[in-house]
N, C-alpha and C. Protein backbone atom coordinates (compact mmCIF):
# COMPACT_ATOMS: atom_id res chain seq x y z
N MET A 1 -3.76 2.71 -0.05
CA MET A 1 -4.27 1.38 0.15
C MET A 1 -5.22 1.36 1.33
N GLU A 2 -4.90 2.13 2.36
CA GLU A 2 -5.75 2.11 3.56
C GLU A 2 -7.19 2.51 3.22
N ARG A 3 -7.35 3.54 2.41
CA ARG A 3 -8.69 3.97 2.09
C ARG A 3 -9.40 2.98 1.17
N VAL A 4 -8.68 2.37 0.28
CA VAL A 4 -9.31 1.39 -0.61
C VAL A 4 -9.68 0.12 0.17
N SER A 5 -8.88 -0.19 1.20
CA SER A 5 -9.13 -1.42 1.95
C SER A 5 -10.45 -1.36 2.73
N ARG A 6 -10.98 -0.19 2.94
CA ARG A 6 -12.29 -0.04 3.65
C ARG A 6 -13.46 -0.41 2.76
N GLY A 7 -13.24 -0.62 1.49
CA GLY A 7 -14.29 -0.93 0.52
C GLY A 7 -14.03 -0.17 -0.74
N SER A 8 -14.88 -0.33 -1.72
CA SER A 8 -14.63 0.32 -3.00
C SER A 8 -14.77 1.84 -2.84
N ALA A 9 -13.96 2.56 -3.62
CA ALA A 9 -13.98 4.01 -3.56
C ALA A 9 -13.48 4.57 -4.88
N THR A 10 -13.91 5.77 -5.17
CA THR A 10 -13.43 6.48 -6.38
C THR A 10 -12.20 7.27 -6.02
N ALA A 11 -11.47 7.73 -7.03
CA ALA A 11 -10.28 8.57 -6.79
C ALA A 11 -10.68 9.83 -6.06
N THR A 12 -11.83 10.41 -6.38
CA THR A 12 -12.30 11.62 -5.71
C THR A 12 -12.57 11.35 -4.24
N GLU A 13 -13.20 10.23 -3.91
CA GLU A 13 -13.50 9.88 -2.54
C GLU A 13 -12.20 9.66 -1.75
N ILE A 14 -11.23 9.03 -2.38
CA ILE A 14 -9.97 8.74 -1.72
C ILE A 14 -9.22 10.05 -1.48
N ALA A 15 -9.25 10.96 -2.46
CA ALA A 15 -8.51 12.21 -2.33
C ALA A 15 -9.11 13.15 -1.30
N ALA A 16 -10.41 12.99 -0.99
CA ALA A 16 -11.08 13.87 -0.01
C ALA A 16 -10.33 13.77 1.32
N GLY A 17 -9.94 14.89 1.83
CA GLY A 17 -9.27 14.94 3.13
C GLY A 17 -7.77 14.73 3.05
N LEU A 18 -7.24 14.44 1.88
CA LEU A 18 -5.79 14.27 1.72
C LEU A 18 -5.20 15.57 1.20
N THR A 19 -3.89 15.68 1.28
CA THR A 19 -3.23 16.89 0.81
C THR A 19 -2.71 16.74 -0.62
N VAL A 20 -3.24 15.77 -1.34
CA VAL A 20 -2.85 15.56 -2.74
C VAL A 20 -4.09 15.71 -3.62
N THR A 21 -3.85 15.95 -4.87
CA THR A 21 -4.98 16.15 -5.80
C THR A 21 -5.60 14.82 -6.21
N ARG A 22 -6.79 14.91 -6.76
CA ARG A 22 -7.47 13.73 -7.28
C ARG A 22 -6.63 13.09 -8.40
N GLN A 23 -6.00 13.95 -9.20
CA GLN A 23 -5.16 13.45 -10.29
C GLN A 23 -3.99 12.64 -9.76
N ALA A 24 -3.38 13.09 -8.67
CA ALA A 24 -2.26 12.35 -8.06
C ALA A 24 -2.76 11.00 -7.54
N VAL A 25 -3.93 11.00 -6.90
CA VAL A 25 -4.51 9.75 -6.41
C VAL A 25 -4.79 8.82 -7.58
N ALA A 26 -5.34 9.36 -8.67
CA ALA A 26 -5.62 8.54 -9.84
C ALA A 26 -4.36 7.89 -10.41
N LYS A 27 -3.25 8.63 -10.42
CA LYS A 27 -1.99 8.08 -10.90
C LYS A 27 -1.53 6.95 -10.00
N HIS A 28 -1.61 7.14 -8.69
CA HIS A 28 -1.24 6.08 -7.75
C HIS A 28 -2.11 4.86 -7.90
N LEU A 29 -3.40 5.07 -8.10
CA LEU A 29 -4.31 3.96 -8.30
C LEU A 29 -3.98 3.19 -9.58
N ALA A 30 -3.58 3.91 -10.61
CA ALA A 30 -3.19 3.24 -11.87
C ALA A 30 -1.99 2.34 -11.65
N VAL A 31 -1.02 2.80 -10.86
CA VAL A 31 0.15 1.98 -10.56
C VAL A 31 -0.26 0.75 -9.74
N LEU A 32 -1.12 0.96 -8.73
CA LEU A 32 -1.58 -0.16 -7.92
C LEU A 32 -2.37 -1.17 -8.74
N GLU A 33 -3.18 -0.64 -9.69
CA GLU A 33 -3.96 -1.53 -10.56
C GLU A 33 -3.03 -2.33 -11.48
N GLU A 34 -2.04 -1.67 -12.03
CA GLU A 34 -1.08 -2.36 -12.91
C GLU A 34 -0.32 -3.44 -12.12
N ALA A 35 -0.07 -3.18 -10.86
CA ALA A 35 0.64 -4.18 -10.02
C ALA A 35 -0.30 -5.29 -9.54
N GLY A 36 -1.59 -5.13 -9.82
CA GLY A 36 -2.55 -6.16 -9.43
C GLY A 36 -3.00 -6.07 -7.98
N LEU A 37 -2.71 -4.94 -7.32
CA LEU A 37 -3.08 -4.78 -5.91
C LEU A 37 -4.48 -4.22 -5.71
N VAL A 38 -5.01 -3.56 -6.73
CA VAL A 38 -6.40 -3.09 -6.72
C VAL A 38 -7.03 -3.42 -8.05
N SER A 39 -8.34 -3.48 -8.06
CA SER A 39 -9.07 -3.67 -9.31
C SER A 39 -10.09 -2.53 -9.42
N ALA A 40 -10.45 -2.22 -10.63
CA ALA A 40 -11.39 -1.12 -10.90
C ALA A 40 -12.58 -1.64 -11.65
N ARG A 41 -13.74 -1.10 -11.33
CA ARG A 41 -14.94 -1.41 -12.11
C ARG A 41 -15.69 -0.11 -12.37
N ARG A 42 -16.32 -0.09 -13.51
CA ARG A 42 -17.08 1.11 -13.90
C ARG A 42 -18.39 1.16 -13.16
N ALA A 43 -18.74 2.33 -12.67
CA ALA A 43 -20.04 2.60 -12.04
C ALA A 43 -20.51 3.92 -12.63
N GLY A 44 -21.21 3.81 -13.76
CA GLY A 44 -21.58 5.03 -14.45
C GLY A 44 -20.35 5.70 -15.06
N ARG A 45 -20.15 6.95 -14.75
CA ARG A 45 -18.97 7.67 -15.26
C ARG A 45 -17.73 7.46 -14.38
N GLU A 46 -17.92 6.86 -13.23
CA GLU A 46 -16.83 6.72 -12.27
C GLU A 46 -16.19 5.34 -12.35
N ARG A 47 -14.98 5.26 -11.85
CA ARG A 47 -14.29 3.99 -11.65
C ARG A 47 -14.14 3.78 -10.16
N ARG A 48 -14.65 2.67 -9.65
CA ARG A 48 -14.54 2.35 -8.22
C ARG A 48 -13.42 1.33 -8.03
N PHE A 49 -12.55 1.62 -7.12
CA PHE A 49 -11.39 0.78 -6.85
C PHE A 49 -11.58 -0.04 -5.58
N SER A 50 -11.18 -1.30 -5.66
CA SER A 50 -11.25 -2.23 -4.52
C SER A 50 -9.95 -2.99 -4.42
N PRO A 51 -9.59 -3.43 -3.19
CA PRO A 51 -8.36 -4.21 -3.06
C PRO A 51 -8.50 -5.57 -3.71
N THR A 52 -7.40 -6.11 -4.17
CA THR A 52 -7.35 -7.45 -4.73
C THR A 52 -6.64 -8.32 -3.68
N PRO A 53 -7.38 -9.18 -2.97
CA PRO A 53 -6.81 -9.88 -1.80
C PRO A 53 -5.59 -10.76 -2.05
N ALA A 54 -5.57 -11.56 -3.10
CA ALA A 54 -4.48 -12.53 -3.27
C ALA A 54 -3.11 -11.85 -3.38
N PRO A 55 -2.92 -10.90 -4.27
CA PRO A 55 -1.61 -10.25 -4.35
C PRO A 55 -1.26 -9.49 -3.05
N LEU A 56 -2.26 -8.96 -2.38
CA LEU A 56 -1.99 -8.27 -1.12
C LEU A 56 -1.45 -9.23 -0.09
N GLY A 57 -1.99 -10.43 -0.05
CA GLY A 57 -1.48 -11.45 0.89
C GLY A 57 -0.03 -11.77 0.62
N GLU A 58 0.31 -11.89 -0.67
CA GLU A 58 1.70 -12.14 -1.04
C GLU A 58 2.59 -10.98 -0.64
N ALA A 59 2.12 -9.76 -0.86
CA ALA A 59 2.91 -8.57 -0.50
C ALA A 59 3.11 -8.51 1.02
N ILE A 60 2.07 -8.81 1.77
CA ILE A 60 2.16 -8.79 3.24
C ILE A 60 3.18 -9.84 3.71
N SER A 61 3.13 -11.02 3.13
CA SER A 61 4.10 -12.08 3.50
C SER A 61 5.52 -11.63 3.21
N TRP A 62 5.72 -11.05 2.05
CA TRP A 62 7.05 -10.58 1.66
C TRP A 62 7.55 -9.49 2.64
N MET A 63 6.65 -8.52 2.94
CA MET A 63 7.05 -7.46 3.85
C MET A 63 7.36 -7.99 5.24
N ALA A 64 6.61 -8.98 5.72
CA ALA A 64 6.88 -9.57 7.04
C ALA A 64 8.26 -10.24 7.02
N SER A 65 8.57 -10.93 5.94
CA SER A 65 9.86 -11.61 5.82
C SER A 65 11.01 -10.59 5.82
N VAL A 66 10.88 -9.57 5.00
CA VAL A 66 11.90 -8.53 4.94
C VAL A 66 11.99 -7.79 6.27
N GLY A 67 10.85 -7.54 6.90
CA GLY A 67 10.82 -6.85 8.18
C GLY A 67 11.57 -7.66 9.23
N GLY A 68 11.38 -8.98 9.22
CA GLY A 68 12.09 -9.84 10.17
C GLY A 68 13.58 -9.78 9.98
N GLU A 69 14.03 -9.76 8.71
CA GLU A 69 15.44 -9.66 8.42
C GLU A 69 16.01 -8.34 8.95
N TRP A 70 15.27 -7.25 8.76
CA TRP A 70 15.75 -5.96 9.25
C TRP A 70 15.74 -5.91 10.76
N ASP A 71 14.79 -6.55 11.40
CA ASP A 71 14.77 -6.61 12.86
C ASP A 71 16.05 -7.25 13.38
N GLU A 72 16.46 -8.35 12.73
CA GLU A 72 17.70 -9.01 13.12
C GLU A 72 18.91 -8.11 12.92
N ARG A 73 18.97 -7.43 11.78
CA ARG A 73 20.10 -6.55 11.50
C ARG A 73 20.16 -5.37 12.47
N LEU A 74 19.01 -4.78 12.75
CA LEU A 74 19.00 -3.67 13.69
C LEU A 74 19.36 -4.09 15.11
N ALA A 75 18.94 -5.30 15.50
CA ALA A 75 19.32 -5.80 16.83
C ALA A 75 20.81 -6.02 16.89
N ALA A 76 21.43 -6.54 15.83
CA ALA A 76 22.89 -6.72 15.80
C ALA A 76 23.59 -5.37 15.86
N LEU A 77 23.07 -4.40 15.15
CA LEU A 77 23.67 -3.04 15.19
C LEU A 77 23.56 -2.46 16.60
N GLU A 78 22.42 -2.64 17.23
CA GLU A 78 22.23 -2.14 18.58
C GLU A 78 23.24 -2.78 19.54
N ARG A 79 23.44 -4.10 19.44
CA ARG A 79 24.42 -4.78 20.29
C ARG A 79 25.82 -4.23 20.04
N TYR A 80 26.15 -3.99 18.78
CA TYR A 80 27.45 -3.46 18.42
C TYR A 80 27.67 -2.08 19.04
N VAL A 81 26.68 -1.23 18.93
CA VAL A 81 26.78 0.14 19.47
C VAL A 81 26.87 0.10 20.98
N GLN A 82 26.13 -0.77 21.62
CA GLN A 82 26.14 -0.85 23.09
C GLN A 82 27.50 -1.35 23.61
N ARG A 83 28.19 -2.14 22.80
CA ARG A 83 29.52 -2.62 23.20
C ARG A 83 30.58 -1.56 22.97
N GLY A 84 30.20 -0.44 22.39
CA GLY A 84 31.14 0.64 22.15
C GLY A 84 31.82 0.57 20.80
N GLY A 85 31.23 -0.28 19.91
CA GLY A 85 31.72 -0.55 18.56
C GLY A 85 32.28 0.57 17.88
């Protein structure tokens, strides 16, 4: 997602510099596209992928909510351990 968030990119461009194959990147992009997190458009023989802002905003909100819950749980665990629990 980080590489796609910089602007549109092909699977080959995204795979450049990573330790995974272009085919692995293409599979991940297909999952992200199916989830509605990225969209693809044809540019000649290539498919360029771009982030889809609305679902990403929803995902970020959900992650922030879940993250807050875990922060509370971890703080409670830390207090328990410090008391010699």
